[in-house]
Amino acid sequence: DSVLTAIGLVENVWIMVDAIVVSIIVMLISAEGVSQFIEKYPSLKTLGLCFLVLIGVFLTADGFGLHIHKGYIYWAMGFSSIVIILNIRQKERELARTEKIHAEVESRE
């Protein structure tokens, strides 16, 4: 999105074309890694959808003239991101602990 915004601000067509080509190449290169990361942590998919809904509600309210301070939106997004990160770290620790216990049990047998 930020690339498209920057493209709209530039008057030179070749800079626009170069920016689009570079952004497509970056997306193609990083798509597999991002996809694997999201598949490994599916709660991030839910978090992203919640962010979209939150921003949609914010924009709708703003369209009706109801001003919501952006700090509330940023705070909610930051807090939920921290909660998800802590949850992921705890699950990884529990998984490592479980694997360690299984390895100890198997080594005793």
PDB file of N, CA and C in Angstrom:
ATOM      1  N   ASP A   1       0.815  -1.196   0.000  1.00  0.00           N
ATOM      2  CA  ASP A   1       0.000   0.000   0.000  1.00  0.00           C
ATOM      3  C   ASP A   1       0.857   1.257   0.000  1.00  0.00           C
ATOM      4  N   SER A   2       1.919   1.232   0.788  1.00  0.00           N
ATOM      5  CA  SER A   2       2.758   2.430   0.846  1.00  0.00           C
ATOM      6  C   SER A   2       3.468   2.667  -0.477  1.00  0.00           C
ATOM      7  N   VAL A   3       3.795   1.584  -1.188  1.00  0.00           N
ATOM      8  CA  VAL A   3       4.410   1.739  -2.511  1.00  0.00           C
ATOM      9  C   VAL A   3       3.423   2.394  -3.461  1.00  0.00           C
ATOM     10  N   LEU A   4       2.169   1.953  -3.428  1.00  0.00           N
ATOM     11  CA  LEU A   4       1.166   2.552  -4.306  1.00  0.00           C
ATOM     12  C   LEU A   4       0.921   4.014  -3.956  1.00  0.00           C
ATOM     13  N   THR A   5       0.973   4.348  -2.689  1.00  0.00           N
ATOM     14  CA  THR A   5       0.824   5.749  -2.288  1.00  0.00           C
ATOM     15  C   THR A   5       1.985   6.580  -2.815  1.00  0.00           C
ATOM     16  N   ALA A   6       3.190   6.038  -2.677  1.00  0.00           N
ATOM     17  CA  ALA A   6       4.362   6.755  -3.179  1.00  0.00           C
ATOM     18  C   ALA A   6       4.297   6.917  -4.695  1.00  0.00           C
ATOM     19  N   ILE A   7       3.793   5.895  -5.376  1.00  0.00           N
ATOM     20  CA  ILE A   7       3.656   5.969  -6.831  1.00  0.00           C
ATOM     21  C   ILE A   7       2.711   7.100  -7.210  1.00  0.00           C
ATOM     22  N   GLY A   8       1.650   7.258  -6.459  1.00  0.00           N
ATOM     23  CA  GLY A   8       0.688   8.315  -6.752  1.00  0.00           C
ATOM     24  C   GLY A   8       1.252   9.708  -6.554  1.00  0.00           C
ATOM     25  N   LEU A   9       2.290   9.829  -5.752  1.00  0.00           N
ATOM     26  CA  LEU A   9       2.888  11.133  -5.482  1.00  0.00           C
ATOM     27  C   LEU A   9       3.973  11.516  -6.486  1.00  0.00           C
ATOM     28  N   VAL A  10       4.417  10.555  -7.294  1.00  0.00           N
ATOM     29  CA  VAL A  10       5.510  10.798  -8.235  1.00  0.00           C
ATOM     30  C   VAL A  10       4.937  11.138  -9.604  1.00  0.00           C
ATOM     31  N   GLU A  11       5.599  12.052 -10.284  1.00  0.00           N
ATOM     32  CA  GLU A  11       5.129  12.445 -11.611  1.00  0.00           C
ATOM     33  C   GLU A  11       5.835  11.688 -12.729  1.00  0.00           C
ATOM     34  N   ASN A  12       7.003  11.129 -12.464  1.00  0.00           N
ATOM     35  CA  ASN A  12       7.766  10.412 -13.483  1.00  0.00           C
ATOM     36  C   ASN A  12       7.225   8.990 -13.633  1.00  0.00           C
ATOM     37  N   VAL A  13       6.839   8.635 -14.853  1.00  0.00           N
ATOM     38  CA  VAL A  13       6.233   7.324 -15.105  1.00  0.00           C
ATOM     39  C   VAL A  13       7.231   6.202 -14.873  1.00  0.00           C
ATOM     40  N   TRP A  14       8.497   6.396 -15.220  1.00  0.00           N
ATOM     41  CA  TRP A  14       9.484   5.322 -15.072  1.00  0.00           C
ATOM     42  C   TRP A  14       9.764   5.017 -13.604  1.00  0.00           C
ATOM     43  N   ILE A  15       9.686   6.009 -12.763  1.00  0.00           N
ATOM     44  CA  ILE A  15       9.834   5.755 -11.325  1.00  0.00           C
ATOM     45  C   ILE A  15       8.655   4.925 -10.831  1.00  0.00           C
ATOM     46  N   MET A  16       7.461   5.211 -11.323  1.00  0.00           N
ATOM     47  CA  MET A  16       6.278   4.421 -10.966  1.00  0.00           C
ATOM     48  C   MET A  16       6.448   2.974 -11.401  1.00  0.00           C
ATOM     49  N   VAL A  17       6.887   2.781 -12.645  1.00  0.00           N
ATOM     50  CA  VAL A  17       7.068   1.424 -13.177  1.00  0.00           C
ATOM     51  C   VAL A  17       8.121   0.686 -12.366  1.00  0.00           C
ATOM     52  N   ASP A  18       9.251   1.330 -12.099  1.00  0.00           N
ATOM     53  CA  ASP A  18      10.310   0.697 -11.311  1.00  0.00           C
ATOM     54  C   ASP A  18       9.820   0.321  -9.913  1.00  0.00           C
ATOM     55  N   ALA A  19       9.073   1.200  -9.287  1.00  0.00           N
ATOM     56  CA  ALA A  19       8.566   0.921  -7.938  1.00  0.00           C
ATOM     57  C   ALA A  19       7.618  -0.273  -7.942  1.00  0.00           C
ATOM     58  N   ILE A  20       6.767  -0.348  -8.951  1.00  0.00           N
ATOM     59  CA  ILE A  20       5.837  -1.477  -9.038  1.00  0.00           C
ATOM     60  C   ILE A  20       6.590  -2.776  -9.265  1.00  0.00           C
ATOM     61  N   VAL A  21       7.564  -2.768 -10.178  1.00  0.00           N
ATOM     62  CA  VAL A  21       8.337  -3.980 -10.468  1.00  0.00           C
ATOM     63  C   VAL A  21       9.109  -4.431  -9.232  1.00  0.00           C
ATOM     64  N   VAL A  22       9.752  -3.503  -8.546  1.00  0.00           N
ATOM     65  CA  VAL A  22      10.507  -3.858  -7.342  1.00  0.00           C
ATOM     66  C   VAL A  22       9.579  -4.407  -6.264  1.00  0.00           C
ATOM     67  N   SER A  23       8.418  -3.793  -6.085  1.00  0.00           N
ATOM     68  CA  SER A  23       7.494  -4.278  -5.055  1.00  0.00           C
ATOM     69  C   SER A  23       6.962  -5.665  -5.398  1.00  0.00           C
ATOM     70  N   ILE A  24       6.723  -5.934  -6.673  1.00  0.00           N
ATOM     71  CA  ILE A  24       6.268  -7.270  -7.080  1.00  0.00           C
ATOM     72  C   ILE A  24       7.359  -8.297  -6.825  1.00  0.00           C
ATOM     73  N   ILE A  25       8.600  -7.955  -7.152  1.00  0.00           N
ATOM     74  CA  ILE A  25       9.711  -8.883  -6.924  1.00  0.00           C
ATOM     75  C   ILE A  25       9.870  -9.174  -5.433  1.00  0.00           C
ATOM     76  N   VAL A  26       9.799  -8.144  -4.614  1.00  0.00           N
ATOM     77  CA  VAL A  26       9.916  -8.338  -3.163  1.00  0.00           C
ATOM     78  C   VAL A  26       8.780  -9.224  -2.649  1.00  0.00           C
ATOM     79  N   MET A  27       7.567  -9.000  -3.141  1.00  0.00           N
ATOM     80  CA  MET A  27       6.431  -9.830  -2.710  1.00  0.00           C
ATOM     81  C   MET A  27       6.614 -11.280  -3.136  1.00  0.00           C
ATOM     82  N   LEU A  28       7.091 -11.507  -4.354  1.00  0.00           N
ATOM     83  CA  LEU A  28       7.293 -12.876  -4.824  1.00  0.00           C
ATOM     84  C   LEU A  28       8.381 -13.583  -4.021  1.00  0.00           C
ATOM     85  N   ILE A  29       9.431 -12.865  -3.685  1.00  0.00           N
ATOM     86  CA  ILE A  29      10.523 -13.463  -2.919  1.00  0.00           C
ATOM     87  C   ILE A  29      10.088 -13.773  -1.485  1.00  0.00           C
ATOM     88  N   SER A  30       9.348 -12.878  -0.876  1.00  0.00           N
ATOM     89  CA  SER A  30       8.997 -13.045   0.536  1.00  0.00           C
ATOM     90  C   SER A  30       7.698 -13.811   0.766  1.00  0.00           C
ATOM     91  N   ALA A  31       6.952 -14.111  -0.277  1.00  0.00           N
ATOM     92  CA  ALA A  31       5.634 -14.737  -0.102  1.00  0.00           C
ATOM     93  C   ALA A  31       5.728 -16.098   0.580  1.00  0.00           C
ATOM     94  N   GLU A  32       6.692 -16.911   0.183  1.00  0.00           N
ATOM     95  CA  GLU A  32       6.798 -18.257   0.755  1.00  0.00           C
ATOM     96  C   GLU A  32       7.149 -18.197   2.242  1.00  0.00           C
ATOM     97  N   GLY A  33       8.094 -17.348   2.592  1.00  0.00           N
ATOM     98  CA  GLY A  33       8.479 -17.219   3.998  1.00  0.00           C
ATOM     99  C   GLY A  33       7.351 -16.696   4.865  1.00  0.00           C
ATOM    100  N   VAL A  34       6.644 -15.701   4.369  1.00  0.00           N
ATOM    101  CA  VAL A  34       5.509 -15.148   5.114  1.00  0.00           C
ATOM    102  C   VAL A  34       4.414 -16.198   5.253  1.00  0.00           C
ATOM    103  N   SER A  35       4.176 -16.935   4.172  1.00  0.00           N
ATOM    104  CA  SER A  35       3.146 -17.979   4.199  1.00  0.00           C
ATOM    105  C   SER A  35       3.485 -19.058   5.227  1.00  0.00           C
ATOM    106  N   GLN A  36       4.732 -19.490   5.251  1.00  0.00           N
ATOM    107  CA  GLN A  36       5.144 -20.502   6.228  1.00  0.00           C
ATOM    108  C   GLN A  36       5.023 -19.974   7.658  1.00  0.00           C
ATOM    109  N   PHE A  37       5.383 -18.723   7.858  1.00  0.00           N
ATOM    110  CA  PHE A  37       5.298 -18.121   9.185  1.00  0.00           C
ATOM    111  C   PHE A  37       3.854 -18.068   9.664  1.00  0.00           C
ATOM    112  N   ILE A  38       2.941 -17.687   8.780  1.00  0.00           N
ATOM    113  CA  ILE A  38       1.526 -17.607   9.152  1.00  0.00           C
ATOM    114  C   ILE A  38       0.939 -18.998   9.358  1.00  0.00           C
ATOM    115  N   GLU A  39       1.382 -19.976   8.558  1.00  0.00           N
ATOM    116  CA  GLU A  39       0.906 -21.349   8.761  1.00  0.00           C
ATOM    117  C   GLU A  39       1.409 -21.909  10.092  1.00  0.00           C
ATOM    118  N   LYS A  40       2.616 -21.501  10.492  1.00  0.00           N
ATOM    119  CA  LYS A  40       3.166 -21.975  11.761  1.00  0.00           C
ATOM    120  C   LYS A  40       2.427 -21.359  12.950  1.00  0.00           C
ATOM    121  N   TYR A  41       1.998 -20.099  12.793  1.00  0.00           N
ATOM    122  CA  TYR A  41       1.302 -19.386  13.859  1.00  0.00           C
ATOM    123  C   TYR A  41      -0.052 -18.895  13.347  1.00  0.00           C
ATOM    124  N   PRO A  42      -1.068 -19.764  13.334  1.00  0.00           N
ATOM    125  CA  PRO A  42      -2.371 -19.366  12.778  1.00  0.00           C
ATOM    126  C   PRO A  42      -3.073 -18.266  13.566  1.00  0.00           C
ATOM    127  N   SER A  43      -2.675 -18.038  14.796  1.00  0.00           N
ATOM    128  CA  SER A  43      -3.303 -16.956  15.562  1.00  0.00           C
ATOM    129  C   SER A  43      -2.989 -15.595  14.944  1.00  0.00           C
ATOM    130  N   LEU A  44      -1.899 -15.499  14.191  1.00  0.00           N
ATOM    131  CA  LEU A  44      -1.571 -14.244  13.509  1.00  0.00           C
ATOM    132  C   LEU A  44      -2.574 -13.930  12.410  1.00  0.00           C
ATOM    133  N   LYS A  45      -3.121 -14.977  11.807  1.00  0.00           N
ATOM    134  CA  LYS A  45      -4.148 -14.773  10.785  1.00  0.00           C
ATOM    135  C   LYS A  45      -5.391 -14.144  11.416  1.00  0.00           C
ATOM    136  N   THR A  46      -5.774 -14.655  12.568  1.00  0.00           N
ATOM    137  CA  THR A  46      -6.915 -14.098  13.292  1.00  0.00           C
ATOM    138  C   THR A  46      -6.627 -12.667  13.734  1.00  0.00           C
ATOM    139  N   LEU A  47      -5.408 -12.426  14.196  1.00  0.00           N
ATOM    140  CA  LEU A  47      -5.029 -11.079  14.616  1.00  0.00           C
ATOM    141  C   LEU A  47      -5.123 -10.101  13.449  1.00  0.00           C
ATOM    142  N   GLY A  48      -4.651 -10.519  12.282  1.00  0.00           N
ATOM    143  CA  GLY A  48      -4.737  -9.658  11.104  1.00  0.00           C
ATOM    144  C   GLY A  48      -6.170  -9.341  10.725  1.00  0.00           C
ATOM    145  N   LEU A  49      -7.035 -10.346  10.793  1.00  0.00           N
ATOM    146  CA  LEU A  49      -8.450 -10.111  10.489  1.00  0.00           C
ATOM    147  C   LEU A  49      -9.086  -9.171  11.514  1.00  0.00           C
ATOM    148  N   CYS A  50      -8.708  -9.327  12.773  1.00  0.00           N
ATOM    149  CA  CYS A  50      -9.229  -8.417  13.808  1.00  0.00           C
ATOM    150  C   CYS A  50      -8.758  -6.986  13.569  1.00  0.00           C
ATOM    151  N   PHE A  51      -7.515  -6.831  13.125  1.00  0.00           N
ATOM    152  CA  PHE A  51      -7.016  -5.495  12.797  1.00  0.00           C
ATOM    153  C   PHE A  51      -7.826  -4.882  11.664  1.00  0.00           C
ATOM    154  N   LEU A  52      -8.135  -5.691  10.651  1.00  0.00           N
ATOM    155  CA  LEU A  52      -8.933  -5.175   9.534  1.00  0.00           C
ATOM    156  C   LEU A  52     -10.316  -4.732   9.997  1.00  0.00           C
ATOM    157  N   VAL A  53     -10.940  -5.528  10.860  1.00  0.00           N
ATOM    158  CA  VAL A  53     -12.262  -5.159  11.379  1.00  0.00           C
ATOM    159  C   VAL A  53     -12.159  -3.887  12.220  1.00  0.00           C
ATOM    160  N   LEU A  54     -11.141  -3.807  13.060  1.00  0.00           N
ATOM    161  CA  LEU A  54     -10.949  -2.627  13.905  1.00  0.00           C
ATOM    162  C   LEU A  54     -10.766  -1.369  13.060  1.00  0.00           C
ATOM    163  N   ILE A  55      -9.949  -1.461  12.035  1.00  0.00           N
ATOM    164  CA  ILE A  55      -9.731  -0.307  11.160  1.00  0.00           C
ATOM    165  C   ILE A  55     -11.005   0.018  10.389  1.00  0.00           C
ATOM    166  N   GLY A  56     -11.741  -1.009   9.969  1.00  0.00           N
ATOM    167  CA  GLY A  56     -13.007  -0.772   9.276  1.00  0.00           C
ATOM    168  C   GLY A  56     -14.016  -0.054  10.152  1.00  0.00           C
ATOM    169  N   VAL A  57     -14.114  -0.465  11.403  1.00  0.00           N
ATOM    170  CA  VAL A  57     -15.026   0.207  12.340  1.00  0.00           C
ATOM    171  C   VAL A  57     -14.574   1.650  12.565  1.00  0.00           C
ATOM    172  N   PHE A  58     -13.265   1.842  12.694  1.00  0.00           N
ATOM    173  CA  PHE A  58     -12.728   3.190  12.880  1.00  0.00           C
ATOM    174  C   PHE A  58     -13.072   4.085  11.690  1.00  0.00           C
ATOM    175  N   LEU A  59     -12.868   3.576  10.480  1.00  0.00           N
ATOM    176  CA  LEU A  59     -13.159   4.379   9.286  1.00  0.00           C
ATOM    177  C   LEU A  59     -14.654   4.643   9.128  1.00  0.00           C
ATOM    178  N   THR A  60     -15.471   3.647   9.466  1.00  0.00           N
ATOM    179  CA  THR A  60     -16.919   3.835   9.387  1.00  0.00           C
ATOM    180  C   THR A  60     -17.377   4.893  10.387  1.00  0.00           C
ATOM    181  N   ALA A  61     -16.875   4.803  11.603  1.00  0.00           N
ATOM    182  CA  ALA A  61     -17.234   5.800  12.619  1.00  0.00           C
ATOM    183  C   ALA A  61     -16.768   7.188  12.189  1.00  0.00           C
ATOM    184  N   ASP A  62     -15.582   7.259  11.620  1.00  0.00           N
ATOM    185  CA  ASP A  62     -15.070   8.544  11.152  1.00  0.00           C
ATOM    186  C   ASP A  62     -15.925   9.083  10.010  1.00  0.00           C
ATOM    187  N   GLY A  63     -16.423   8.186   9.166  1.00  0.00           N
ATOM    188  CA  GLY A  63     -17.303   8.598   8.079  1.00  0.00           C
ATOM    189  C   GLY A  63     -18.623   9.168   8.576  1.00  0.00           C
ATOM    190  N   PHE A  64     -19.082   8.690   9.721  1.00  0.00           N
ATOM    191  CA  PHE A  64     -20.313   9.213  10.315  1.00  0.00           C
ATOM    192  C   PHE A  64     -20.062  10.439  11.189  1.00  0.00           C
ATOM    193  N   GLY A  65     -18.824  10.904  11.222  1.00  0.00           N
ATOM    194  CA  GLY A  65     -18.504  12.107  11.979  1.00  0.00           C
ATOM    195  C   GLY A  65     -18.124  11.866  13.422  1.00  0.00           C
ATOM    196  N   LEU A  66     -18.030  10.619  13.838  1.00  0.00           N
ATOM    197  CA  LEU A  66     -17.637  10.294  15.206  1.00  0.00           C
ATOM    198  C   LEU A  66     -16.117  10.195  15.258  1.00  0.00           C
ATOM    199  N   HIS A  67     -15.492  11.119  15.955  1.00  0.00           N
ATOM    200  CA  HIS A  67     -14.034  11.137  16.009  1.00  0.00           C
ATOM    201  C   HIS A  67     -13.537  10.195  17.099  1.00  0.00           C
ATOM    202  N   ILE A  68     -12.697   9.245  16.704  1.00  0.00           N
ATOM    203  CA  ILE A  68     -12.036   8.338  17.642  1.00  0.00           C
ATOM    204  C   ILE A  68     -10.542   8.633  17.546  1.00  0.00           C
ATOM    205  N   HIS A  69      -9.932   8.913  18.677  1.00  0.00           N
ATOM    206  CA  HIS A  69      -8.507   9.235  18.678  1.00  0.00           C
ATOM    207  C   HIS A  69      -7.711   8.024  18.193  1.00  0.00           C
ATOM    208  N   LYS A  70      -6.762   8.267  17.307  1.00  0.00           N
ATOM    209  CA  LYS A  70      -5.967   7.176  16.741  1.00  0.00           C
ATOM    210  C   LYS A  70      -5.145   6.452  17.798  1.00  0.00           C
ATOM    211  N   GLY A  71      -4.848   7.123  18.876  1.00  0.00           N
ATOM    212  CA  GLY A  71      -4.094   6.491  19.951  1.00  0.00           C
ATOM    213  C   GLY A  71      -4.801   5.271  20.519  1.00  0.00           C
ATOM    214  N   TYR A  72      -6.124   5.326  20.577  1.00  0.00           N
ATOM    215  CA  TYR A  72      -6.881   4.165  21.054  1.00  0.00           C
ATOM    216  C   TYR A  72      -6.719   2.975  20.109  1.00  0.00           C
ATOM    217  N   ILE A  73      -6.734   3.256  18.823  1.00  0.00           N
ATOM    218  CA  ILE A  73      -6.578   2.187  17.828  1.00  0.00           C
ATOM    219  C   ILE A  73      -5.178   1.593  17.933  1.00  0.00           C
ATOM    220  N   TYR A  74      -4.163   2.462  17.982  1.00  0.00           N
ATOM    221  CA  TYR A  74      -2.783   1.981  18.085  1.00  0.00           C
ATOM    222  C   TYR A  74      -2.567   1.206  19.374  1.00  0.00           C
ATOM    223  N   TRP A  75      -3.145   1.699  20.472  1.00  0.00           N
ATOM    224  CA  TRP A  75      -2.987   1.012  21.745  1.00  0.00           C
ATOM    225  C   TRP A  75      -3.617  -0.378  21.684  1.00  0.00           C
ATOM    226  N   ALA A  76      -4.814  -0.473  21.132  1.00  0.00           N
ATOM    227  CA  ALA A  76      -5.494  -1.768  21.032  1.00  0.00           C
ATOM    228  C   ALA A  76      -4.703  -2.730  20.152  1.00  0.00           C
ATOM    229  N   MET A  77      -4.189  -2.227  19.040  1.00  0.00           N
ATOM    230  CA  MET A  77      -3.416  -3.086  18.145  1.00  0.00           C
ATOM    231  C   MET A  77      -2.102  -3.513  18.798  1.00  0.00           C
ATOM    232  N   GLY A  78      -1.441  -2.591  19.474  1.00  0.00           N
ATOM    233  CA  GLY A  78      -0.190  -2.925  20.148  1.00  0.00           C
ATOM    234  C   GLY A  78      -0.389  -3.918  21.274  1.00  0.00           C
ATOM    235  N   PHE A  79      -1.420  -3.687  22.080  1.00  0.00           N
ATOM    236  CA  PHE A  79      -1.695  -4.591  23.194  1.00  0.00           C
ATOM    237  C   PHE A  79      -2.016  -5.999  22.697  1.00  0.00           C
ATOM    238  N   SER A  80      -2.877  -6.099  21.693  1.00  0.00           N
ATOM    239  CA  SER A  80      -3.235  -7.428  21.188  1.00  0.00           C
ATOM    240  C   SER A  80      -2.040  -8.107  20.530  1.00  0.00           C
ATOM    241  N   SER A  81      -1.166  -7.341  19.890  1.00  0.00           N
ATOM    242  CA  SER A  81       0.043  -7.929  19.303  1.00  0.00           C
ATOM    243  C   SER A  81       0.954  -8.486  20.388  1.00  0.00           C
ATOM    244  N   ILE A  82       1.105  -7.744  21.472  1.00  0.00           N
ATOM    245  CA  ILE A  82       1.938  -8.219  22.580  1.00  0.00           C
ATOM    246  C   ILE A  82       1.351  -9.483  23.190  1.00  0.00           C
ATOM    247  N   VAL A  83       0.037  -9.528  23.350  1.00  0.00           N
ATOM    248  CA  VAL A  83      -0.611 -10.724  23.901  1.00  0.00           C
ATOM    249  C   VAL A  83      -0.374 -11.930  22.994  1.00  0.00           C
ATOM    250  N   ILE A  84      -0.506 -11.741  21.691  1.00  0.00           N
ATOM    251  CA  ILE A  84      -0.285 -12.845  20.750  1.00  0.00           C
ATOM    252  C   ILE A  84       1.168 -13.309  20.802  1.00  0.00           C
ATOM    253  N   ILE A  85       2.104 -12.371  20.842  1.00  0.00           N
ATOM    254  CA  ILE A  85       3.525 -12.735  20.903  1.00  0.00           C
ATOM    255  C   ILE A  85       3.828 -13.511  22.177  1.00  0.00           C
ATOM    256  N   LEU A  86       3.311 -13.058  23.305  1.00  0.00           N
ATOM    257  CA  LEU A  86       3.522 -13.781  24.563  1.00  0.00           C
ATOM    258  C   LEU A  86       2.894 -15.167  24.516  1.00  0.00           C
ATOM    259  N   ASN A  87       1.720 -15.280  23.911  1.00  0.00           N
ATOM    260  CA  ASN A  87       1.050 -16.570  23.775  1.00  0.00           C
ATOM    261  C   ASN A  87       1.880 -17.522  22.914  1.00  0.00           C
ATOM    262  N   ILE A  88       2.407 -17.028  21.811  1.00  0.00           N
ATOM    263  CA  ILE A  88       3.235 -17.858  20.928  1.00  0.00           C
ATOM    264  C   ILE A  88       4.485 -18.326  21.663  1.00  0.00           C
ATOM    265  N   ARG A  89       5.131 -17.423  22.395  1.00  0.00           N
ATOM    266  CA  ARG A  89       6.347 -17.791  23.126  1.00  0.00           C
ATOM    267  C   ARG A  89       6.056 -18.840  24.195  1.00  0.00           C
ATOM    268  N   GLN A  90       4.922 -18.702  24.887  1.00  0.00           N
ATOM    269  CA  GLN A  90       4.581 -19.675  25.917  1.00  0.00           C
ATOM    270  C   GLN A  90       4.301 -21.043  25.297  1.00  0.00           C
ATOM    271  N   LYS A  91       3.597 -21.072  24.179  1.00  0.00           N
ATOM    272  CA  LYS A  91       3.321 -22.349  23.522  1.00  0.00           C
ATOM    273  C   LYS A  91       4.605 -23.018  23.053  1.00  0.00           C
ATOM    274  N   GLU A  92       5.558 -22.224  22.554  1.00  0.00           N
ATOM    275  CA  GLU A  92       6.831 -22.797  22.125  1.00  0.00           C
ATOM    276  C   GLU A  92       7.604 -23.358  23.312  1.00  0.00           C
ATOM    277  N   ARG A  93       7.572 -22.665  24.438  1.00  0.00           N
ATOM    278  CA  ARG A  93       8.242 -23.180  25.639  1.00  0.00           C
ATOM    279  C   ARG A  93       7.606 -24.481  26.109  1.00  0.00           C
ATOM    280  N   GLU A  94       6.271 -24.532  26.105  1.00  0.00           N
ATOM    281  CA  GLU A  94       5.575 -25.757  26.513  1.00  0.00           C
ATOM    282  C   GLU A  94       5.901 -26.904  25.571  1.00  0.00           C
ATOM    283  N   LEU A  95       5.971 -26.617  24.276  1.00  0.00           N
ATOM    284  CA  LEU A  95       6.306 -27.651  23.302  1.00  0.00           C
ATOM    285  C   LEU A  95       7.728 -28.151  23.521  1.00  0.00           C
ATOM    286  N   ALA A  96       8.663 -27.241  23.764  1.00  0.00           N
ATOM    287  CA  ALA A  96      10.048 -27.636  24.019  1.00  0.00           C
ATOM    288  C   ALA A  96      10.149 -28.458  25.297  1.00  0.00           C
ATOM    289  N   ARG A  97       9.408 -28.062  26.323  1.00  0.00           N
ATOM    290  CA  ARG A  97       9.412 -28.796  27.585  1.00  0.00           C
ATOM    291  C   ARG A  97       8.842 -30.202  27.385  1.00  0.00           C
ATOM    292  N   THR A  98       7.762 -30.309  26.622  1.00  0.00           N
ATOM    293  CA  THR A  98       7.149 -31.609  26.354  1.00  0.00           C
ATOM    294  C   THR A  98       8.095 -32.498  25.561  1.00  0.00           C
ATOM    295  N   GLU A  99       8.750 -31.923  24.547  1.00  0.00           N
ATOM    296  CA  GLU A  99       9.703 -32.707  23.755  1.00  0.00           C
ATOM    297  C   GLU A  99      10.873 -33.176  24.607  1.00  0.00           C
ATOM    298  N   LYS A 100      11.323 -32.332  25.530  1.00  0.00           N
ATOM    299  CA  LYS A 100      12.421 -32.706  26.416  1.00  0.00           C
ATOM    300  C   LYS A 100      12.007 -33.862  27.318  1.00  0.00           C
ATOM    301  N   ILE A 101      10.793 -33.813  27.842  1.00  0.00           N
ATOM    302  CA  ILE A 101      10.295 -34.891  28.700  1.00  0.00           C
ATOM    303  C   ILE A 101      10.186 -36.187  27.913  1.00  0.00           C
ATOM    304  N   HIS A 102       9.664 -36.115  26.689  1.00  0.00           N
ATOM    305  CA  HIS A 102       9.550 -37.316  25.857  1.00  0.00           C
ATOM    306  C   HIS A 102      10.929 -37.891  25.533  1.00  0.00           C
ATOM    307  N   ALA A 103      11.898 -37.031  25.284  1.00  0.00           N
ATOM    308  CA  ALA A 103      13.251 -37.505  24.992  1.00  0.00           C
ATOM    309  C   ALA A 103      13.856 -38.192  26.209  1.00  0.00           C
ATOM    310  N   GLU A 104      13.614 -37.657  27.399  1.00  0.00           N
ATOM    311  CA  GLU A 104      14.125 -38.278  28.622  1.00  0.00           C
ATOM    312  C   GLU A 104      13.472 -39.625  28.862  1.00  0.00           C
ATOM    313  N   VAL A 105      12.173 -39.720  28.621  1.00  0.00           N
ATOM    314  CA  VAL A 105      11.461 -40.985  28.810  1.00  0.00           C
ATOM    315  C   VAL A 105      11.968 -42.025  27.824  1.00  0.00           C
ATOM    316  N   GLU A 106      12.176 -41.631  26.576  1.00  0.00           N
ATOM    317  CA  GLU A 106      12.661 -42.572  25.567  1.00  0.00           C
ATOM    318  C   GLU A 106      14.087 -43.017  25.857  1.00  0.00           C
ATOM    319  N   SER A 107      14.908 -42.138  26.414  1.00  0.00           N
ATOM    320  CA  SER A 107      16.295 -42.509  26.713  1.00  0.00           C
ATOM    321  C   SER A 107      16.364 -43.480  27.887  1.00  0.00           C
ATOM    322  N   ARG A 108      15.381 -43.460  28.768  1.00  0.00           N
ATOM    323  CA  ARG A 108      15.352 -44.381  29.901  1.00  0.00           C
ATOM    324  C   ARG A 108      14.954 -45.782  29.474  1.00  0.00           C
ATOM    325  N   GLU A 109      14.206 -45.859  28.398  1.00  0.00           N
ATOM    326  CA  GLU A 109      13.689 -47.174  27.976  1.00  0.00           C
ATOM    327  C   GLU A 109      14.684 -47.935  27.225  1.00  0.00           C
TER     328      GLU A 109
END
